[in-house]
Amino acid sequence: MQISVKHIINNLVIALAMTLFFSCKNDFKSVSQIGVAAYDPVGIGDSINLKFTDSGKVKANLLSPKVYDYSNREHSYSEFTEGVTLHIYEDNQKNTIFSDYAIVNNKTDLIDLRGNVIIVTATNDSLFTDQLYYDKSNKWVFNNQPVKFKSKDYVTNGVGFDSDEDFNKVEVLDVTGQFAVLD
């Protein structure tokens, strides 16, 4: 019984093909990450003009020159490195938020605004600070940084700020400045 070289090569090719066939996995998540480094964003957006609507009415308008989407990470987030402007519309009134930088943590629903943070309400109340957090789950705005809160009647400076998202329950902590005292 003589074995030919052609027969041996044929068997080796079949054995190799079978090994490769049974060792492969088709995990969609792994395949979709091919060519994407773990530290790179999965997407980059330029000149963002995003409108949130409810029942055909615009509820908010988010504007930003650039956004980086890191939803490919375990703790996914979106980063607005060149600033953000957010207009919020409710009951025919507009509130506006500005900041030089923002990061939105998708798991914790926490938004971190940094650098020249300004909030202007429909009643022209204004908040100025260098950093401010918004907890979307609890509808809570807060920080532990120096703040200036201007309303129609007074200016309040302090270190720390707490409020509900509608600015109905505003509290400036460690207060200094001028404010009205009613007798």
N, C-alpha and C. Protein backbone atom coordinates (compact mmCIF):
# COMPACT_ATOMS: atom_id res chain seq x y z
N MET A 1 0.84 -1.17 0.00
CA MET A 1 0.00 0.00 0.00
C MET A 1 0.89 1.24 0.00
N GLN A 2 0.81 1.95 -1.07
CA GLN A 2 1.66 3.10 -1.25
C GLN A 2 0.80 4.36 -1.19
N ILE A 3 1.23 5.33 -0.35
CA ILE A 3 0.49 6.58 -0.19
C ILE A 3 1.16 7.64 -1.03
N SER A 4 0.39 8.29 -1.86
CA SER A 4 0.97 9.30 -2.73
C SER A 4 1.08 10.65 -2.02
N VAL A 5 1.95 11.48 -2.49
CA VAL A 5 2.16 12.83 -1.94
C VAL A 5 0.88 13.64 -2.10
N LYS A 6 0.21 13.45 -3.21
CA LYS A 6 -1.04 14.18 -3.48
C LYS A 6 -2.09 13.83 -2.42
N HIS A 7 -2.17 12.57 -2.06
CA HIS A 7 -3.11 12.10 -1.05
C HIS A 7 -2.79 12.70 0.33
N ILE A 8 -1.54 12.78 0.70
CA ILE A 8 -1.11 13.35 1.99
C ILE A 8 -1.43 14.84 2.05
N ILE A 9 -1.12 15.57 0.98
CA ILE A 9 -1.41 17.02 0.94
C ILE A 9 -2.90 17.25 1.03
N ASN A 10 -3.68 16.45 0.34
CA ASN A 10 -5.14 16.57 0.35
C ASN A 10 -5.68 16.37 1.77
N ASN A 11 -5.20 15.37 2.49
CA ASN A 11 -5.64 15.12 3.86
C ASN A 11 -5.23 16.25 4.81
N LEU A 12 -4.01 16.79 4.61
CA LEU A 12 -3.56 17.91 5.44
C LEU A 12 -4.42 19.15 5.24
N VAL A 13 -4.77 19.42 4.01
CA VAL A 13 -5.62 20.59 3.70
C VAL A 13 -7.00 20.41 4.33
N ILE A 14 -7.56 19.20 4.26
CA ILE A 14 -8.87 18.94 4.86
C ILE A 14 -8.79 19.09 6.38
N ALA A 15 -7.74 18.56 7.00
CA ALA A 15 -7.57 18.66 8.45
C ALA A 15 -7.42 20.11 8.89
N LEU A 16 -6.64 20.89 8.16
CA LEU A 16 -6.45 22.30 8.47
C LEU A 16 -7.76 23.07 8.33
N ALA A 17 -8.50 22.82 7.26
CA ALA A 17 -9.78 23.49 7.02
C ALA A 17 -10.78 23.16 8.13
N MET A 18 -10.82 21.92 8.56
CA MET A 18 -11.75 21.52 9.63
C MET A 18 -11.37 22.19 10.95
N THR A 19 -10.06 22.28 11.22
CA THR A 19 -9.60 22.93 12.44
C THR A 19 -10.01 24.40 12.45
N LEU A 20 -9.79 25.08 11.34
CA LEU A 20 -10.16 26.49 11.25
C LEU A 20 -11.67 26.68 11.34
N PHE A 21 -12.42 25.78 10.71
CA PHE A 21 -13.88 25.89 10.70
C PHE A 21 -14.45 25.77 12.11
N PHE A 22 -13.98 24.83 12.90
CA PHE A 22 -14.53 24.61 14.23
C PHE A 22 -13.94 25.53 15.29
N SER A 23 -12.86 26.25 14.99
CA SER A 23 -12.27 27.14 15.99
C SER A 23 -12.80 28.56 15.89
N CYS A 24 -13.56 28.90 14.88
CA CYS A 24 -14.05 30.26 14.70
C CYS A 24 -15.35 30.48 15.47
N LYS A 25 -15.49 31.70 16.01
CA LYS A 25 -16.74 32.13 16.62
C LYS A 25 -17.21 33.37 15.88
N ASN A 26 -18.48 33.52 15.70
CA ASN A 26 -19.02 34.72 15.09
C ASN A 26 -19.80 35.49 16.13
N ASP A 27 -19.08 36.20 16.97
CA ASP A 27 -19.68 37.07 17.98
C ASP A 27 -19.82 38.45 17.35
N PHE A 28 -21.05 38.91 17.14
CA PHE A 28 -21.29 40.18 16.43
C PHE A 28 -20.58 41.34 17.10
N LYS A 29 -20.58 41.37 18.43
CA LYS A 29 -19.93 42.48 19.14
C LYS A 29 -18.44 42.50 18.84
N SER A 30 -17.80 41.33 18.82
CA SER A 30 -16.37 41.25 18.52
C SER A 30 -16.09 41.64 17.08
N VAL A 31 -16.91 41.16 16.16
CA VAL A 31 -16.71 41.45 14.75
C VAL A 31 -16.90 42.94 14.49
N SER A 32 -17.88 43.58 15.14
CA SER A 32 -18.13 45.00 14.91
C SER A 32 -17.02 45.87 15.47
N GLN A 33 -16.24 45.36 16.40
CA GLN A 33 -15.15 46.12 17.00
C GLN A 33 -13.83 45.99 16.24
N ILE A 34 -13.81 45.20 15.18
CA ILE A 34 -12.59 45.04 14.39
C ILE A 34 -12.20 46.39 13.81
N GLY A 35 -10.99 46.79 14.03
CA GLY A 35 -10.49 48.06 13.51
C GLY A 35 -10.79 49.24 14.41
N VAL A 36 -11.48 49.04 15.54
CA VAL A 36 -11.78 50.11 16.47
C VAL A 36 -10.97 49.87 17.74
N ALA A 37 -10.09 50.80 18.04
CA ALA A 37 -9.30 50.67 19.26
C ALA A 37 -10.20 50.93 20.46
N ALA A 38 -9.90 50.30 21.56
CA ALA A 38 -10.75 50.40 22.76
C ALA A 38 -10.85 51.82 23.29
N TYR A 39 -9.86 52.64 23.02
CA TYR A 39 -9.87 54.01 23.54
C TYR A 39 -10.41 55.03 22.54
N ASP A 40 -10.68 54.61 21.31
CA ASP A 40 -11.22 55.51 20.29
C ASP A 40 -12.73 55.62 20.42
N PRO A 41 -13.29 56.78 20.06
CA PRO A 41 -14.76 56.88 20.05
C PRO A 41 -15.34 56.05 18.93
N VAL A 42 -16.55 55.57 19.15
CA VAL A 42 -17.23 54.79 18.13
C VAL A 42 -17.83 55.72 17.07
N GLY A 43 -18.00 57.01 17.43
CA GLY A 43 -18.52 57.98 16.49
C GLY A 43 -18.14 59.39 16.88
N ILE A 44 -18.04 60.27 15.88
CA ILE A 44 -17.74 61.68 16.10
C ILE A 44 -18.75 62.48 15.30
N GLY A 45 -19.38 63.45 15.96
CA GLY A 45 -20.34 64.30 15.27
C GLY A 45 -19.87 65.73 15.21
N ASP A 46 -20.05 66.38 14.07
CA ASP A 46 -19.70 67.78 13.89
C ASP A 46 -20.96 68.61 13.69
N SER A 47 -20.93 69.83 14.21
CA SER A 47 -22.04 70.78 14.05
C SER A 47 -23.38 70.16 14.42
N ILE A 48 -23.49 69.71 15.66
CA ILE A 48 -24.69 69.03 16.15
C ILE A 48 -25.82 70.04 16.34
N ASN A 49 -26.99 69.71 15.83
CA ASN A 49 -28.21 70.49 16.06
C ASN A 49 -29.32 69.47 16.26
N LEU A 50 -29.45 68.99 17.51
CA LEU A 50 -30.36 67.90 17.84
C LEU A 50 -31.61 68.46 18.50
N LYS A 51 -32.77 68.09 17.98
CA LYS A 51 -34.04 68.55 18.54
C LYS A 51 -34.79 67.39 19.15
N PHE A 52 -35.20 67.57 20.41
CA PHE A 52 -36.01 66.57 21.11
C PHE A 52 -37.45 67.02 21.03
N THR A 53 -38.33 66.12 20.58
CA THR A 53 -39.73 66.48 20.43
C THR A 53 -40.61 65.54 21.24
N ASP A 54 -41.79 66.04 21.58
CA ASP A 54 -42.81 65.23 22.25
C ASP A 54 -44.15 65.69 21.70
N SER A 55 -44.88 64.78 21.12
CA SER A 55 -46.20 65.07 20.52
C SER A 55 -46.10 66.19 19.49
N GLY A 56 -45.02 66.20 18.71
CA GLY A 56 -44.85 67.17 17.65
C GLY A 56 -44.33 68.52 18.09
N LYS A 57 -44.09 68.71 19.38
CA LYS A 57 -43.57 69.98 19.90
C LYS A 57 -42.11 69.82 20.28
N VAL A 58 -41.31 70.82 19.93
CA VAL A 58 -39.90 70.81 20.29
C VAL A 58 -39.80 71.09 21.79
N LYS A 59 -39.18 70.15 22.52
CA LYS A 59 -38.99 70.29 23.97
C LYS A 59 -37.60 70.79 24.32
N ALA A 60 -36.61 70.45 23.47
CA ALA A 60 -35.24 70.88 23.71
C ALA A 60 -34.48 70.91 22.39
N ASN A 61 -33.47 71.76 22.34
CA ASN A 61 -32.61 71.87 21.18
C ASN A 61 -31.17 71.93 21.67
N LEU A 62 -30.40 70.89 21.31
CA LEU A 62 -29.00 70.77 21.72
C LEU A 62 -28.10 71.17 20.56
N LEU A 63 -27.21 72.14 20.81
CA LEU A 63 -26.28 72.61 19.80
C LEU A 63 -24.85 72.42 20.30
N SER A 64 -23.99 71.89 19.44
CA SER A 64 -22.59 71.70 19.82
C SER A 64 -21.74 71.59 18.56
N PRO A 65 -20.54 72.18 18.58
CA PRO A 65 -19.66 72.05 17.43
C PRO A 65 -19.14 70.62 17.23
N LYS A 66 -18.97 69.85 18.33
CA LYS A 66 -18.40 68.52 18.20
C LYS A 66 -18.83 67.64 19.37
N VAL A 67 -19.10 66.37 19.07
CA VAL A 67 -19.42 65.38 20.10
C VAL A 67 -18.68 64.09 19.77
N TYR A 68 -18.16 63.46 20.82
CA TYR A 68 -17.50 62.16 20.69
C TYR A 68 -18.36 61.13 21.42
N ASP A 69 -18.67 60.03 20.74
CA ASP A 69 -19.52 58.98 21.29
C ASP A 69 -18.65 57.80 21.72
N TYR A 70 -18.60 57.57 23.04
CA TYR A 70 -17.84 56.45 23.59
C TYR A 70 -18.78 55.37 24.12
N SER A 71 -19.81 55.05 23.37
CA SER A 71 -20.76 54.02 23.80
C SER A 71 -20.17 52.61 23.65
N ASN A 72 -18.97 52.51 23.11
CA ASN A 72 -18.30 51.22 22.98
C ASN A 72 -17.55 50.82 24.25
N ARG A 73 -17.61 51.62 25.27
CA ARG A 73 -16.92 51.32 26.52
C ARG A 73 -17.88 50.76 27.55
N GLU A 74 -17.32 50.11 28.54
CA GLU A 74 -18.15 49.53 29.60
C GLU A 74 -18.96 50.61 30.31
N HIS A 75 -18.33 51.74 30.63
CA HIS A 75 -19.02 52.89 31.20
C HIS A 75 -19.17 53.92 30.09
N SER A 76 -20.19 53.74 29.27
CA SER A 76 -20.34 54.55 28.06
C SER A 76 -20.69 56.00 28.39
N TYR A 77 -20.22 56.89 27.52
CA TYR A 77 -20.48 58.31 27.70
C TYR A 77 -20.35 59.03 26.37
N SER A 78 -20.86 60.27 26.36
CA SER A 78 -20.70 61.17 25.23
C SER A 78 -19.98 62.41 25.74
N GLU A 79 -19.05 62.92 24.94
CA GLU A 79 -18.22 64.04 25.37
C GLU A 79 -18.35 65.19 24.37
N PHE A 80 -18.66 66.37 24.89
CA PHE A 80 -18.80 67.57 24.09
C PHE A 80 -17.59 68.46 24.41
N THR A 81 -16.51 68.31 23.65
CA THR A 81 -15.25 68.95 23.98
C THR A 81 -15.18 70.42 23.60
N GLU A 82 -16.05 70.86 22.72
CA GLU A 82 -16.00 72.25 22.25
C GLU A 82 -17.21 73.04 22.72
N GLY A 83 -17.83 72.59 23.78
CA GLY A 83 -18.95 73.33 24.37
C GLY A 83 -20.30 72.83 23.92
N VAL A 84 -21.30 73.34 24.62
CA VAL A 84 -22.66 72.94 24.36
C VAL A 84 -23.61 74.10 24.70
N THR A 85 -24.67 74.21 23.92
CA THR A 85 -25.77 75.13 24.21
C THR A 85 -27.04 74.30 24.17
N LEU A 86 -27.84 74.41 25.22
CA LEU A 86 -29.08 73.65 25.29
C LEU A 86 -30.23 74.60 25.58
N HIS A 87 -31.20 74.63 24.68
CA HIS A 87 -32.43 75.41 24.87
C HIS A 87 -33.52 74.42 25.29
N ILE A 88 -34.19 74.73 26.39
CA ILE A 88 -35.26 73.87 26.90
C ILE A 88 -36.56 74.68 26.83
N TYR A 89 -37.57 74.11 26.16
CA TYR A 89 -38.84 74.80 25.96
C TYR A 89 -39.93 74.11 26.78
N GLU A 90 -40.65 74.92 27.54
CA GLU A 90 -41.77 74.38 28.31
C GLU A 90 -42.79 75.49 28.54
N ASP A 91 -44.05 75.21 28.24
CA ASP A 91 -45.13 76.18 28.42
C ASP A 91 -44.82 77.52 27.76
N ASN A 92 -44.37 77.49 26.51
CA ASN A 92 -44.03 78.69 25.75
C ASN A 92 -42.94 79.54 26.40
N GLN A 93 -42.10 78.92 27.20
CA GLN A 93 -40.98 79.62 27.82
C GLN A 93 -39.70 78.88 27.47
N LYS A 94 -38.59 79.63 27.46
CA LYS A 94 -37.32 79.04 27.08
C LYS A 94 -36.28 79.25 28.18
N ASN A 95 -35.63 78.16 28.58
CA ASN A 95 -34.48 78.20 29.47
C ASN A 95 -33.26 77.81 28.64
N THR A 96 -32.11 78.42 28.92
CA THR A 96 -30.91 78.15 28.12
C THR A 96 -29.74 77.82 29.03
N ILE A 97 -28.96 76.84 28.61
CA ILE A 97 -27.77 76.41 29.35
C ILE A 97 -26.58 76.48 28.39
N PHE A 98 -25.49 77.08 28.87
CA PHE A 98 -24.25 77.16 28.10
C PHE A 98 -23.13 76.54 28.94
N SER A 99 -22.17 75.89 28.29
CA SER A 99 -20.94 75.48 28.96
C SER A 99 -19.85 75.24 27.93
N ASP A 100 -18.59 75.35 28.37
CA ASP A 100 -17.46 75.15 27.47
C ASP A 100 -17.20 73.67 27.20
N TYR A 101 -17.69 72.80 28.08
CA TYR A 101 -17.41 71.37 27.98
C TYR A 101 -18.54 70.63 28.68
N ALA A 102 -18.88 69.46 28.19
CA ALA A 102 -19.90 68.63 28.85
C ALA A 102 -19.60 67.17 28.61
N ILE A 103 -19.97 66.36 29.59
CA ILE A 103 -19.85 64.91 29.45
C ILE A 103 -21.14 64.30 30.00
N VAL A 104 -21.71 63.38 29.24
CA VAL A 104 -22.96 62.72 29.62
C VAL A 104 -22.64 61.25 29.88
N ASN A 105 -22.81 60.81 31.12
CA ASN A 105 -22.57 59.42 31.49
C ASN A 105 -23.87 58.66 31.25
N ASN A 106 -23.84 57.71 30.32
CA ASN A 106 -25.06 57.01 29.92
C ASN A 106 -25.59 56.03 30.96
N LYS A 107 -24.72 55.48 31.79
CA LYS A 107 -25.18 54.52 32.80
C LYS A 107 -25.76 55.19 34.03
N THR A 108 -25.14 56.28 34.46
CA THR A 108 -25.59 56.94 35.70
C THR A 108 -26.57 58.06 35.46
N ASP A 109 -26.82 58.43 34.19
CA ASP A 109 -27.68 59.56 33.84
C ASP A 109 -27.21 60.86 34.49
N LEU A 110 -25.91 61.01 34.63
CA LEU A 110 -25.33 62.22 35.20
C LEU A 110 -24.68 63.03 34.09
N ILE A 111 -25.00 64.32 34.05
CA ILE A 111 -24.40 65.25 33.09
C ILE A 111 -23.49 66.18 33.87
N ASP A 112 -22.25 66.30 33.41
CA ASP A 112 -21.24 67.13 34.04
C ASP A 112 -20.92 68.28 33.08
N LEU A 113 -21.29 69.50 33.47
CA LEU A 113 -21.02 70.70 32.68
C LEU A 113 -19.82 71.40 33.30
N ARG A 114 -18.86 71.83 32.47
CA ARG A 114 -17.64 72.45 32.99
C ARG A 114 -17.26 73.67 32.17
N GLY A 115 -16.69 74.66 32.85
CA GLY A 115 -16.15 75.83 32.18
C GLY A 115 -17.21 76.83 31.77
N ASN A 116 -17.24 77.97 32.43
CA ASN A 116 -18.18 79.04 32.10
C ASN A 116 -19.62 78.55 31.95
N VAL A 117 -20.08 77.83 32.94
CA VAL A 117 -21.45 77.31 32.92
C VAL A 117 -22.41 78.46 33.25
N ILE A 118 -23.37 78.68 32.37
CA ILE A 118 -24.37 79.73 32.55
C ILE A 118 -25.73 79.12 32.27
N ILE A 119 -26.66 79.37 33.20
CA ILE A 119 -28.06 78.98 33.00
C ILE A 119 -28.90 80.24 33.08
N VAL A 120 -29.73 80.45 32.08
CA VAL A 120 -30.64 81.59 32.06
C VAL A 120 -32.06 81.04 31.95
N THR A 121 -32.89 81.36 32.94
CA THR A 121 -34.27 80.86 32.94
C THR A 121 -35.18 81.81 32.17
N ALA A 122 -36.39 81.38 31.96
CA ALA A 122 -37.38 82.19 31.25
C ALA A 122 -37.70 83.48 32.00
N THR A 123 -37.51 83.48 33.32
CA THR A 123 -37.77 84.68 34.12
C THR A 123 -36.51 85.53 34.29
N ASN A 124 -35.48 85.24 33.51
CA ASN A 124 -34.19 85.93 33.53
C ASN A 124 -33.39 85.73 34.81
N ASP A 125 -33.73 84.72 35.61
CA ASP A 125 -32.84 84.32 36.69
C ASP A 125 -31.63 83.68 36.02
N SER A 126 -30.44 83.91 36.58
CA SER A 126 -29.22 83.40 35.97
C SER A 126 -28.33 82.76 37.00
N LEU A 127 -27.65 81.71 36.59
CA LEU A 127 -26.68 81.03 37.44
C LEU A 127 -25.36 81.00 36.69
N PHE A 128 -24.27 81.36 37.40
CA PHE A 128 -22.93 81.37 36.82
C PHE A 128 -22.02 80.52 37.71
N THR A 129 -21.29 79.59 37.12
CA THR A 129 -20.38 78.75 37.88
C THR A 129 -19.38 78.09 36.91
N ASP A 130 -18.37 77.44 37.46
CA ASP A 130 -17.38 76.76 36.62
C ASP A 130 -17.70 75.29 36.40
N GLN A 131 -18.57 74.72 37.25
CA GLN A 131 -18.95 73.32 37.08
C GLN A 131 -20.33 73.11 37.68
N LEU A 132 -21.12 72.28 37.00
CA LEU A 132 -22.47 72.01 37.47
C LEU A 132 -22.85 70.61 37.03
N TYR A 133 -23.54 69.90 37.90
CA TYR A 133 -24.01 68.54 37.59
C TYR A 133 -25.52 68.55 37.46
N TYR A 134 -26.01 67.70 36.57
CA TYR A 134 -27.45 67.48 36.45
C TYR A 134 -27.68 65.98 36.52
N ASP A 135 -28.46 65.57 37.50
CA ASP A 135 -28.83 64.17 37.68
C ASP A 135 -30.19 63.98 37.01
N LYS A 136 -30.19 63.35 35.83
CA LYS A 136 -31.43 63.20 35.06
C LYS A 136 -32.44 62.31 35.78
N SER A 137 -31.97 61.30 36.49
CA SER A 137 -32.88 60.38 37.18
C SER A 137 -33.64 61.07 38.30
N ASN A 138 -32.95 61.90 39.07
CA ASN A 138 -33.57 62.57 40.21
C ASN A 138 -34.01 64.00 39.90
N LYS A 139 -33.77 64.44 38.66
CA LYS A 139 -34.14 65.80 38.23
C LYS A 139 -33.58 66.84 39.20
N TRP A 140 -32.28 66.74 39.42
CA TRP A 140 -31.60 67.53 40.44
C TRP A 140 -30.37 68.21 39.84
N VAL A 141 -30.20 69.50 40.10
CA VAL A 141 -29.06 70.29 39.65
C VAL A 141 -28.24 70.64 40.88
N PHE A 142 -26.91 70.43 40.83
CA PHE A 142 -26.11 70.67 42.04
C PHE A 142 -24.63 70.86 41.71
N ASN A 143 -23.89 71.41 42.68
CA ASN A 143 -22.44 71.47 42.63
C ASN A 143 -21.90 71.83 44.02
N ASN A 144 -20.59 71.85 44.14
CA ASN A 144 -19.95 72.29 45.37
C ASN A 144 -18.85 73.30 45.04
N GLN A 145 -19.08 74.07 43.99
CA GLN A 145 -18.16 75.08 43.49
C GLN A 145 -18.72 76.48 43.76
N PRO A 146 -17.88 77.53 43.66
CA PRO A 146 -18.40 78.90 43.77
C PRO A 146 -19.47 79.16 42.72
N VAL A 147 -20.54 79.83 43.14
CA VAL A 147 -21.65 80.16 42.23
C VAL A 147 -22.09 81.60 42.44
N LYS A 148 -22.71 82.14 41.39
CA LYS A 148 -23.39 83.44 41.48
C LYS A 148 -24.78 83.21 40.93
N PHE A 149 -25.79 83.54 41.73
CA PHE A 149 -27.18 83.38 41.31
C PHE A 149 -27.81 84.77 41.29
N LYS A 150 -28.26 85.19 40.09
CA LYS A 150 -28.89 86.50 39.93
C LYS A 150 -30.37 86.29 39.69
N SER A 151 -31.17 87.02 40.45
CA SER A 151 -32.60 87.05 40.18
C SER A 151 -33.01 88.51 39.99
N LYS A 152 -34.27 88.73 39.82
CA LYS A 152 -34.77 90.09 39.58
C LYS A 152 -34.40 91.04 40.71
N ASP A 153 -34.44 90.56 41.95
CA ASP A 153 -34.27 91.44 43.11
C ASP A 153 -32.90 91.40 43.76
N TYR A 154 -32.09 90.39 43.47
CA TYR A 154 -30.84 90.28 44.22
C TYR A 154 -29.80 89.43 43.50
N VAL A 155 -28.57 89.52 44.02
CA VAL A 155 -27.46 88.68 43.56
C VAL A 155 -26.96 87.93 44.77
N THR A 156 -26.84 86.62 44.65
CA THR A 156 -26.35 85.80 45.75
C THR A 156 -25.11 85.05 45.28
N ASN A 157 -24.04 85.18 46.07
CA ASN A 157 -22.82 84.43 45.82
C ASN A 157 -22.69 83.37 46.89
N GLY A 158 -22.08 82.28 46.56
CA GLY A 158 -21.89 81.23 47.55
C GLY A 158 -21.01 80.12 47.01
N VAL A 159 -20.83 79.12 47.83
CA VAL A 159 -20.07 77.94 47.43
C VAL A 159 -21.00 76.75 47.60
N GLY A 160 -21.47 76.23 46.49
CA GLY A 160 -22.40 75.12 46.50
C GLY A 160 -23.77 75.55 46.03
N PHE A 161 -24.45 74.64 45.33
CA PHE A 161 -25.75 74.95 44.77
C PHE A 161 -26.58 73.68 44.70
N ASP A 162 -27.87 73.80 45.06
CA ASP A 162 -28.83 72.70 44.95
C ASP A 162 -30.14 73.26 44.40
N SER A 163 -30.75 72.52 43.48
CA SER A 163 -32.03 72.94 42.95
C SER A 163 -32.73 71.79 42.27
N ASP A 164 -34.05 71.90 42.18
CA ASP A 164 -34.78 70.98 41.31
C ASP A 164 -34.56 71.47 39.87
N GLU A 165 -34.92 70.67 38.90
CA GLU A 165 -34.64 71.03 37.51
C GLU A 165 -35.41 72.24 37.03
N ASP A 166 -36.51 72.60 37.70
CA ASP A 166 -37.31 73.75 37.30
C ASP A 166 -36.90 75.04 38.00
N PHE A 167 -35.91 74.98 38.88
CA PHE A 167 -35.43 76.11 39.67
C PHE A 167 -36.54 76.69 40.57
N ASN A 168 -37.44 75.83 41.03
CA ASN A 168 -38.46 76.25 41.98
C ASN A 168 -37.95 76.18 43.42
N LYS A 169 -37.04 75.26 43.68
CA LYS A 169 -36.47 75.08 45.02
C LYS A 169 -34.96 75.30 44.94
N VAL A 170 -34.55 76.56 44.86
CA VAL A 170 -33.15 76.93 44.68
C VAL A 170 -32.51 77.16 46.05
N GLU A 171 -31.31 76.60 46.23
CA GLU A 171 -30.58 76.83 47.47
C GLU A 171 -29.10 77.05 47.11
N VAL A 172 -28.60 78.25 47.48
CA VAL A 172 -27.18 78.55 47.35
C VAL A 172 -26.58 78.33 48.73
N LEU A 173 -25.51 77.56 48.78
CA LEU A 173 -24.88 77.21 50.05
C LEU A 173 -23.75 78.17 50.38
N ASP A 174 -23.39 78.28 51.66
CA ASP A 174 -22.33 79.19 52.11
C ASP A 174 -22.49 80.56 51.47
N VAL A 175 -23.63 81.19 51.72
CA VAL A 175 -24.07 82.41 51.05
C VAL A 175 -23.28 83.64 51.49
N THR A 176 -22.97 84.48 50.49
CA THR A 176 -22.46 85.83 50.73
C THR A 176 -23.15 86.73 49.71
N GLY A 177 -23.17 88.04 49.92
CA GLY A 177 -23.74 88.95 48.93
C GLY A 177 -24.99 89.64 49.44
N GLN A 178 -25.70 90.26 48.52
CA GLN A 178 -26.89 91.03 48.84
C GLN A 178 -28.13 90.20 48.56
N PHE A 179 -29.08 90.29 49.48
CA PHE A 179 -30.35 89.61 49.26
C PHE A 179 -31.43 90.31 50.06
N ALA A 180 -32.65 90.12 49.61
CA ALA A 180 -33.79 90.80 50.24
C ALA A 180 -34.19 90.07 51.50
N VAL A 181 -34.47 90.87 52.56
CA VAL A 181 -34.96 90.33 53.82
C VAL A 181 -36.34 90.96 54.06
N LEU A 182 -37.33 90.13 54.18
CA LEU A 182 -38.69 90.62 54.41
C LEU A 182 -38.99 90.64 55.90
N ASP A 183 -39.61 91.73 56.38
CA ASP A 183 -40.00 91.84 57.80
C ASP A 183 -41.35 91.24 58.04
